[in-house]
């Protein structure tokens, strides 16, 4: 199989294997960036020679500005691997990144929602409940 055909297969594989919904965009350098999940769980950057799988992470730089800071789980030089090995390795990295992300979610003690860490007020209370119970915006 030639590289352009495998590249297209990678795009289709990522679109079907990442947690839904999947957003795609092309970075300034031509790399394809995929973000899977709502809230985001996994970020993948696909180039002409590699695929980087990361767990979604981010920080609030100010109360109104959130910046994603993905944590790299693995990098595959996709042109170097046989097809079956590529799909198996990529599938394992995607699953690992998603599991790592979801393991950091916490259940809010008030509303019972499983909440992403960036939306927690503290270890056991989501920001929505903290706002509602304190009457103030934090």
Protein backbone atom coordinates (compact mmCIF):
# COMPACT_ATOMS: atom_id res chain seq x y z
CA UNK A 1 0.00 0.00 0.00
CA UNK A 2 1.36 3.43 -0.87
CA UNK A 3 1.77 6.25 1.65
CA UNK A 4 -1.08 8.50 0.42
CA UNK A 5 -3.53 5.59 0.64
CA UNK A 6 -2.36 4.65 4.15
CA UNK A 7 -2.54 8.33 5.20
CA UNK A 8 -6.20 8.39 4.11
CA UNK A 9 -6.79 5.16 6.01
CA UNK A 10 -5.26 6.74 9.12
CA UNK A 11 -7.64 9.70 8.83
CA UNK A 12 -10.62 7.32 8.55
CA UNK A 13 -9.35 5.13 11.41
CA UNK A 14 -8.90 8.10 13.73
CA UNK A 15 -12.32 9.45 12.85
CA UNK A 16 -13.93 6.13 13.74
CA UNK A 17 -11.82 5.15 16.79
CA UNK A 18 -11.62 8.42 18.74
CA UNK A 19 -14.39 9.13 21.27
CA UNK A 20 -17.26 11.09 19.68
CA UNK A 21 -17.60 13.82 18.72
CA UNK A 22 -14.39 14.11 16.71
CA UNK A 23 -13.18 17.54 15.63
CA UNK A 24 -10.59 17.85 12.87
CA UNK A 25 -8.49 20.83 11.89
CA UNK A 26 -5.33 21.44 9.93
CA UNK A 27 -2.53 23.20 11.82
CA UNK A 28 -0.44 25.96 10.25
CA UNK A 29 2.33 23.42 9.51
CA UNK A 30 -0.07 21.14 7.61
CA UNK A 31 -0.51 18.53 10.36
CA UNK A 32 -4.02 17.20 10.97
CA UNK A 33 -5.19 17.64 14.55
CA UNK A 34 -8.01 15.48 15.90
CA UNK A 35 -9.76 16.09 19.22
CA UNK A 36 -12.07 13.33 20.43
CA UNK A 37 -14.69 13.48 23.15
CA UNK A 38 -16.90 16.03 24.86
CA UNK A 39 -15.37 17.14 27.10
CA UNK A 40 -12.17 16.43 25.18
CA UNK A 41 -10.41 13.17 26.03
CA UNK A 42 -7.80 12.44 23.35
CA UNK A 43 -5.77 14.61 20.98
CA UNK A 44 -4.02 13.14 17.93
CA UNK A 45 -1.68 14.96 15.57
CA UNK A 46 -1.12 13.25 12.21
CA UNK A 47 1.72 14.29 9.91
CA UNK A 48 3.08 12.79 6.70
CA UNK A 49 5.42 10.59 8.76
CA UNK A 50 4.12 10.28 12.34
CA UNK A 51 1.09 10.15 14.55
CA UNK A 52 1.24 11.54 18.09
CA UNK A 53 -1.40 10.44 20.60
CA UNK A 54 -1.95 12.57 23.71
CA UNK A 55 -4.24 12.65 26.69
CA UNK A 56 -6.20 15.91 26.76
CA UNK A 57 -5.14 18.21 29.57
CA UNK A 58 -5.43 21.92 30.07
CA UNK A 59 -5.08 24.80 32.48
CA UNK A 60 -7.06 27.91 33.28
CA UNK A 61 -4.57 30.72 32.70
CA UNK A 62 -7.18 33.25 33.83
CA UNK A 63 -10.81 32.76 34.88
CA UNK A 64 -11.79 33.27 31.23
CA UNK A 65 -8.86 31.74 29.33
CA UNK A 66 -8.42 27.97 29.09
CA UNK A 67 -5.40 26.57 27.24
CA UNK A 68 -5.01 22.92 26.28
CA UNK A 69 -1.74 21.29 27.31
CA UNK A 70 -1.86 17.74 25.95
CA UNK A 71 0.20 15.04 27.68
CA UNK A 72 1.91 12.84 25.11
CA UNK A 73 1.16 9.14 25.43
CA UNK A 74 3.04 7.92 22.36
CA UNK A 75 4.41 8.61 18.90
CA UNK A 76 4.34 6.20 15.97
CA UNK A 77 6.38 6.54 12.78
CA UNK A 78 3.51 5.13 10.76
CA UNK A 79 5.37 4.58 7.49
CA UNK A 80 7.76 2.15 9.21
CA UNK A 81 5.17 -0.30 10.54
CA UNK A 82 3.33 -3.06 8.72
CA UNK A 83 -0.40 -2.43 8.48
CA UNK A 84 -1.61 -4.79 11.23
CA UNK A 85 1.05 -3.65 13.68
CA UNK A 86 0.16 -0.01 12.97
CA UNK A 87 -3.56 -0.46 13.66
CA UNK A 88 -2.88 -2.48 16.81
CA UNK A 89 -0.35 0.01 18.19
CA UNK A 90 -2.50 3.02 17.35
CA UNK A 91 -5.61 1.40 18.84
CA UNK A 92 -3.72 0.65 22.08
CA UNK A 93 -2.41 4.23 22.34
CA UNK A 94 -5.88 5.70 21.75
CA UNK A 95 -7.40 3.44 24.39
CA UNK A 96 -4.60 4.21 26.86
CA UNK A 97 -4.93 7.97 26.37
CA UNK A 98 -8.69 7.82 26.86
CA UNK A 99 -8.39 5.65 29.99
CA UNK A 100 -5.74 7.99 31.46
CA UNK A 101 -7.98 11.00 30.86
CA UNK A 102 -11.14 9.41 32.23
CA UNK A 103 -9.29 8.20 35.34
CA UNK A 104 -8.77 11.85 36.31
CA UNK A 105 -12.51 12.67 36.26
CA UNK A 106 -14.25 12.93 39.65
CA UNK A 107 -17.87 12.58 40.68
CA UNK A 108 -19.32 15.79 42.16
CA UNK A 109 -20.62 15.19 45.68
CA UNK A 110 -23.65 17.43 45.02
CA UNK A 111 -24.91 16.67 41.51
CA UNK A 112 -23.30 13.26 40.97
CA UNK A 113 -21.89 14.20 37.56
CA UNK A 114 -18.59 12.62 36.49
CA UNK A 115 -16.62 15.83 35.88
CA UNK A 116 -13.43 16.63 33.99
CA UNK A 117 -10.65 17.94 36.26
CA UNK A 118 -10.59 21.39 34.66
CA UNK A 119 -14.26 21.84 35.65
CA UNK A 120 -13.78 20.87 39.30
CA UNK A 121 -13.82 23.59 41.94
CA UNK A 122 -12.02 21.23 44.30
CA UNK A 123 -11.59 17.47 44.53
CA UNK A 124 -15.24 16.66 45.10
CA UNK A 125 -17.29 19.61 43.82
CA UNK A 126 -17.85 20.71 40.23
CA UNK A 127 -17.63 24.39 39.38
CA UNK A 128 -21.37 24.62 38.65
CA UNK A 129 -22.31 23.31 42.10
CA UNK A 130 -19.64 25.46 43.78
CA UNK A 131 -21.13 28.54 42.11
CA UNK A 132 -24.68 27.50 43.00
CA UNK A 133 -23.88 26.64 46.63
CA UNK A 134 -21.66 29.62 47.37
CA UNK A 135 -23.65 32.17 45.42
CA UNK A 136 -20.42 33.53 43.98
CA UNK A 137 -18.40 33.00 40.85
CA UNK A 138 -14.89 31.64 41.46
